[in-house]
Amino acid sequence: MRIMVMVDLHCHLLPGIDDGSKNMNISLRLAKEATENGVTHALLTPHHMNGHYVNHKQDVLQRTKEFQAELEKNNIPLTVFPGQEVRINGQLMDALDNDDILFADESGKYMMLEFPDNDVPHYTNQMIFNLQQRGITPVVVHPERNTKIMAEPDLLYQMLEKGCLSQITASSYVGTFGKKVEKFSKNLIAAGQGYVFASDAHDLPGRKYEMRQAFEKLAHEFSKDMAQEYQDNARAIINGDEVARHQINKIQQRKKLFGLF
């Protein structure tokens, strides 16, 4: 029997360092919930350089090691890896030069890149180009919840055209963030603009692990092959392997109602 591997590339399980888990007990509970939902491997991605939190590479490496030891002590079958959810910012190149950035993989190929909730900064294209010059592929995290991308879906399309990947949050697709986000997630997937699911787990009321539910819905609404592809892509990213690109299409611009915005 093939043991199912499910990789979660984005979660806030490390205790006490960002807006995720507040302490080790909560972290262990979240980890247990992850494994009950089918997750076997998790990339720990505390916020880095987002204006509120800085989580230096060396700290995350140390804390991940400590957390893995706690998981083993508590018999929770989750393998964790050190990472960061890196906010796009003007100092990102300096942070790379100073070796203060963790990637999704050990070879430094994939970066989990976050945008502000309601913006895609004007320097984004230049920054993506600079990262790619260094052999780095940005994985744009939760674009389906970015209000600017929702209003102008071409922004994400252009990033994917340039070679970026995208991570859709499982909870978005199953409706936890409301109908609008659920529908936009589905539209992105239908247009080939999704590559992986991740939990983006925080310890928040009403937020739970919904990875398995998202994969089941994907298999039902689209195809089993696509659900498998999303799983394979997450594994490829954490291993630093090539991700097979697929056809991407544009999403029709939403018509602005009443011209208020």
Protein backbone atom coordinates (compact mmCIF):
# COMPACT_ATOMS: atom_id res chain seq x y z
CA MET A 1 0.00 0.00 0.00
CA ARG A 2 1.33 3.41 -0.99
CA ILE A 3 1.61 5.70 2.01
CA MET A 4 -0.05 8.98 1.13
CA VAL A 5 2.20 11.97 1.40
CA MET A 6 0.50 15.34 1.79
CA VAL A 7 2.72 18.41 1.87
CA ASP A 8 1.51 21.67 3.40
CA LEU A 9 3.71 24.48 2.08
CA HIS A 10 2.32 27.30 4.20
CA CYS A 11 1.38 27.29 7.89
CA HIS A 12 1.93 29.31 11.03
CA LEU A 13 2.61 26.52 13.52
CA LEU A 14 5.80 27.75 15.16
CA PRO A 15 4.87 29.06 18.62
CA GLY A 16 5.06 32.67 19.72
CA ILE A 17 6.75 34.29 16.74
CA ASP A 18 3.96 35.76 14.61
CA ASP A 19 0.15 35.93 14.40
CA GLY A 20 -0.09 32.13 14.26
CA SER A 21 0.27 29.86 17.27
CA LYS A 22 0.77 31.62 20.61
CA ASN A 23 2.45 28.79 22.50
CA MET A 24 3.77 25.25 22.21
CA ASN A 25 0.53 23.62 23.39
CA ILE A 26 -1.41 25.36 20.63
CA SER A 27 1.29 24.38 18.12
CA LEU A 28 1.02 20.73 19.12
CA ARG A 29 -2.77 20.85 18.85
CA LEU A 30 -2.57 22.41 15.37
CA ALA A 31 0.01 19.81 14.33
CA LYS A 32 -2.29 17.04 15.53
CA GLU A 33 -5.18 18.57 13.57
CA ALA A 34 -2.92 18.73 10.51
CA THR A 35 -2.10 15.03 10.70
CA GLU A 36 -5.77 14.15 11.26
CA ASN A 37 -6.52 16.06 8.06
CA GLY A 38 -3.95 13.98 6.18
CA VAL A 39 -0.92 16.29 6.26
CA THR A 40 2.38 14.40 6.62
CA HIS A 41 4.94 17.13 5.89
CA ALA A 42 4.69 20.85 6.66
CA LEU A 43 6.81 23.82 5.70
CA LEU A 44 6.76 26.21 8.66
CA THR A 45 6.37 29.71 7.25
CA PRO A 46 6.36 32.45 9.88
CA HIS A 47 5.89 35.97 8.52
CA HIS A 48 9.14 37.68 7.56
CA MET A 49 9.63 41.38 6.79
CA ASN A 50 5.91 42.15 6.62
CA GLY A 51 6.08 45.35 8.66
CA HIS A 52 5.05 43.58 11.88
CA TYR A 53 7.27 40.53 12.11
CA VAL A 54 10.86 39.75 11.30
CA ASN A 55 11.82 36.10 11.69
CA HIS A 56 15.48 35.66 10.88
CA LYS A 57 16.64 32.52 9.12
CA GLN A 58 18.84 31.28 11.98
CA ASP A 59 16.01 31.68 14.53
CA VAL A 60 13.58 29.75 12.34
CA LEU A 61 16.12 26.95 11.80
CA GLN A 62 16.63 26.62 15.56
CA ARG A 63 12.92 26.81 16.44
CA THR A 64 12.00 24.28 13.76
CA LYS A 65 14.49 21.82 15.23
CA GLU A 66 12.99 22.34 18.71
CA PHE A 67 9.45 21.95 17.39
CA GLN A 68 10.32 18.71 15.57
CA ALA A 69 11.71 17.31 18.84
CA GLU A 70 8.45 18.23 20.63
CA LEU A 71 6.38 16.58 17.89
CA GLU A 72 8.39 13.39 18.25
CA LYS A 73 8.11 13.49 22.04
CA ASN A 74 4.32 13.74 21.66
CA ASN A 75 4.12 11.05 18.97
CA ILE A 76 2.66 13.40 16.38
CA PRO A 77 3.64 12.01 12.95
CA LEU A 78 4.39 15.34 11.26
CA THR A 79 7.71 16.13 9.61
CA VAL A 80 8.43 19.86 9.61
CA PHE A 81 10.79 22.00 7.56
CA PRO A 82 12.03 25.56 8.15
CA GLY A 83 10.64 28.27 5.87
CA GLN A 84 9.36 31.83 5.76
CA GLU A 85 6.39 33.64 4.30
CA VAL A 86 8.40 36.47 2.76
CA ARG A 87 6.64 39.79 2.22
CA ILE A 88 7.60 41.55 -0.99
CA ASN A 89 9.53 44.64 0.14
CA GLY A 90 12.29 46.98 -0.95
CA GLN A 91 14.89 45.32 1.30
CA LEU A 92 14.37 41.80 -0.06
CA MET A 93 17.55 41.74 -2.17
CA ASP A 94 19.61 42.88 0.82
CA ALA A 95 18.08 40.11 2.95
CA LEU A 96 19.06 37.59 0.26
CA ASP A 97 22.61 38.99 0.15
CA ASN A 98 22.76 38.66 3.94
CA ASP A 99 21.59 35.03 3.80
CA ASP A 100 18.50 35.80 5.88
CA ILE A 101 15.92 34.15 3.63
CA LEU A 102 14.57 30.61 3.84
CA PHE A 103 13.07 28.95 0.79
CA ALA A 104 10.48 26.23 0.38
CA ASP A 105 13.29 23.86 -0.63
CA GLU A 106 16.85 23.39 0.58
CA SER A 107 18.34 24.30 -2.79
CA GLY A 108 16.94 27.85 -2.67
CA LYS A 109 14.78 27.59 -5.77
CA TYR A 110 11.26 28.38 -4.54
CA MET A 111 10.34 31.41 -2.41
CA MET A 112 6.93 31.69 -0.70
CA LEU A 113 6.21 35.32 -1.59
CA GLU A 114 3.43 37.33 0.04
CA PHE A 115 1.83 40.58 -1.08
CA PRO A 116 -0.03 43.09 1.08
CA ASP A 117 -3.72 42.07 1.45
CA ASN A 118 -4.95 44.84 -0.81
CA ASP A 119 -2.07 45.71 -3.10
CA VAL A 120 0.46 44.58 -5.67
CA PRO A 121 3.32 47.10 -5.30
CA HIS A 122 4.41 49.04 -8.38
CA TYR A 123 7.91 47.50 -8.25
CA THR A 124 6.61 43.91 -8.34
CA ASN A 125 7.63 43.12 -11.92
CA GLN A 126 11.15 44.41 -11.36
CA MET A 127 11.45 42.42 -8.11
CA ILE A 128 10.25 39.22 -9.78
CA PHE A 129 12.80 39.79 -12.55
CA ASN A 130 15.57 40.33 -9.97
CA LEU A 131 14.63 37.13 -8.13
CA GLN A 132 14.50 35.11 -11.34
CA GLN A 133 17.95 36.44 -12.31
CA ARG A 134 19.17 34.59 -9.21
CA GLY A 135 17.41 31.39 -10.20
CA ILE A 136 14.57 31.90 -7.72
CA THR A 137 10.97 31.09 -8.62
CA PRO A 138 8.47 33.06 -6.53
CA VAL A 139 5.41 31.12 -5.35
CA VAL A 140 2.72 33.78 -4.89
CA VAL A 141 0.82 32.88 -1.71
CA HIS A 142 -2.97 33.22 -1.42
CA PRO A 143 -3.56 35.50 -4.46
CA GLU A 144 -7.25 34.58 -4.23
CA ARG A 145 -7.59 36.73 -1.10
CA ASN A 146 -5.76 39.79 -2.45
CA THR A 147 -8.39 42.46 -3.14
CA LYS A 148 -6.26 44.14 -5.81
CA ILE A 149 -5.83 40.85 -7.70
CA MET A 150 -9.54 40.10 -7.30
CA ALA A 151 -10.31 43.44 -8.94
CA GLU A 152 -7.54 43.09 -11.56
CA PRO A 153 -6.91 39.38 -12.18
CA ASP A 154 -4.49 40.23 -14.99
CA LEU A 155 -1.93 41.12 -12.32
CA LEU A 156 -1.61 37.47 -11.29
CA TYR A 157 -1.83 36.24 -14.88
CA GLN A 158 1.18 38.39 -15.78
CA MET A 159 3.21 37.01 -12.87
CA LEU A 160 2.40 33.42 -13.87
CA GLU A 161 3.23 34.22 -17.51
CA LYS A 162 6.64 35.40 -16.33
CA GLY A 163 7.22 32.05 -14.59
CA CYS A 164 5.91 32.48 -11.05
CA LEU A 165 3.82 29.79 -9.38
CA SER A 166 0.80 30.30 -7.14
CA GLN A 167 -0.50 28.78 -3.91
CA ILE A 168 -4.23 28.81 -3.24
CA THR A 169 -5.35 28.44 0.36
CA ALA A 170 -7.44 25.30 0.82
CA SER A 171 -9.91 27.12 3.10
CA SER A 172 -10.51 29.77 0.42
CA TYR A 173 -11.59 27.14 -2.08
CA VAL A 174 -13.97 25.39 0.31
CA GLY A 175 -15.70 28.65 1.28
CA THR A 176 -14.31 29.51 4.73
CA PHE A 177 -13.54 33.10 3.66
CA GLY A 178 -16.95 33.66 2.06
CA LYS A 179 -18.57 33.16 -1.31
CA LYS A 180 -16.61 35.81 -3.20
CA VAL A 181 -13.22 34.33 -2.32
CA GLU A 182 -14.52 30.80 -2.97
CA LYS A 183 -15.74 31.78 -6.43
CA PHE A 184 -12.52 33.61 -7.31
CA SER A 185 -10.50 30.57 -6.16
CA LYS A 186 -12.56 28.37 -8.46
CA ASN A 187 -12.10 30.82 -11.35
CA LEU A 188 -8.33 30.84 -10.83
CA ILE A 189 -8.22 27.04 -10.78
CA ALA A 190 -10.40 26.81 -13.90
CA ALA A 191 -8.06 29.22 -15.70
CA GLY A 192 -5.02 27.11 -14.78
CA GLN A 193 -3.81 29.83 -12.43
CA GLY A 194 -3.44 27.58 -9.39
CA TYR A 195 -0.59 25.15 -8.77
CA VAL A 196 -0.81 24.01 -5.15
CA PHE A 197 -3.07 24.07 -2.11
CA ALA A 198 -1.76 24.95 1.35
CA SER A 199 -3.45 25.47 4.71
CA ASP A 200 -2.05 28.86 5.80
CA ALA A 201 -3.06 27.53 9.24
CA HIS A 202 -3.32 30.05 12.08
CA ASP A 203 -4.86 29.51 15.49
CA LEU A 204 -8.00 31.49 14.78
CA PRO A 205 -11.66 30.83 15.55
CA GLY A 206 -13.38 29.24 12.58
CA ARG A 207 -10.09 28.40 10.87
CA LYS A 208 -9.26 24.72 10.65
CA TYR A 209 -7.32 22.37 8.44
CA GLU A 210 -9.28 21.82 5.24
CA MET A 211 -6.65 20.34 2.95
CA ARG A 212 -8.38 17.01 2.50
CA GLN A 213 -11.72 18.71 1.84
CA ALA A 214 -10.11 20.97 -0.77
CA PHE A 215 -8.54 18.03 -2.60
CA GLU A 216 -11.84 16.13 -2.53
CA LYS A 217 -13.68 19.14 -3.91
CA LEU A 218 -11.02 19.63 -6.60
CA ALA A 219 -11.28 15.99 -7.68
CA HIS A 220 -15.07 16.27 -7.79
CA GLU A 221 -15.37 19.71 -9.40
CA PHE A 222 -12.47 19.37 -11.84
CA SER A 223 -10.71 15.99 -11.94
CA LYS A 224 -8.79 13.42 -9.92
CA ASP A 225 -5.82 14.12 -12.19
CA MET A 226 -5.82 17.77 -11.21
CA ALA A 227 -6.02 16.91 -7.51
CA GLN A 228 -3.03 14.61 -8.01
CA GLU A 229 -1.17 17.31 -9.92
CA TYR A 230 -1.64 19.80 -7.06
CA GLN A 231 -0.29 17.21 -4.61
CA ASP A 232 2.66 16.39 -6.87
CA ASN A 233 3.46 20.08 -7.33
CA ALA A 234 3.69 20.67 -3.57
CA ARG A 235 6.05 17.73 -3.28
CA ALA A 236 8.15 18.99 -6.21
CA ILE A 237 8.43 22.44 -4.62
CA ILE A 238 9.59 21.16 -1.23
CA ASN A 239 12.10 18.88 -2.99
CA GLY A 240 13.36 21.67 -5.25
CA ASP A 241 12.29 19.77 -8.38
CA GLU A 242 10.82 21.25 -11.54
CA VAL A 243 7.08 21.90 -11.48
CA ALA A 244 5.34 20.98 -14.72
CA ARG A 245 3.73 24.12 -16.11
CA HIS A 246 0.25 23.98 -17.53
CA GLN A 247 -1.81 26.12 -19.87
CA ILE A 248 -2.95 29.32 -18.18
CA ASN A 249 -5.80 31.49 -19.39
CA LYS A 250 -6.95 34.99 -18.53
CA ILE A 251 -9.87 35.59 -16.20
CA GLN A 252 -12.51 38.02 -17.35
CA GLN A 253 -12.27 41.33 -15.52
CA ARG A 254 -15.11 41.90 -13.06
CA LYS A 255 -17.31 44.78 -14.12
CA LYS A 256 -17.18 47.55 -11.55
CA LEU A 257 -20.55 48.18 -9.95
CA PHE A 258 -21.66 51.81 -9.61
CA GLY A 259 -18.12 52.98 -10.35
CA LEU A 260 -17.47 53.64 -6.65
CA PHE A 261 -13.98 52.25 -6.69
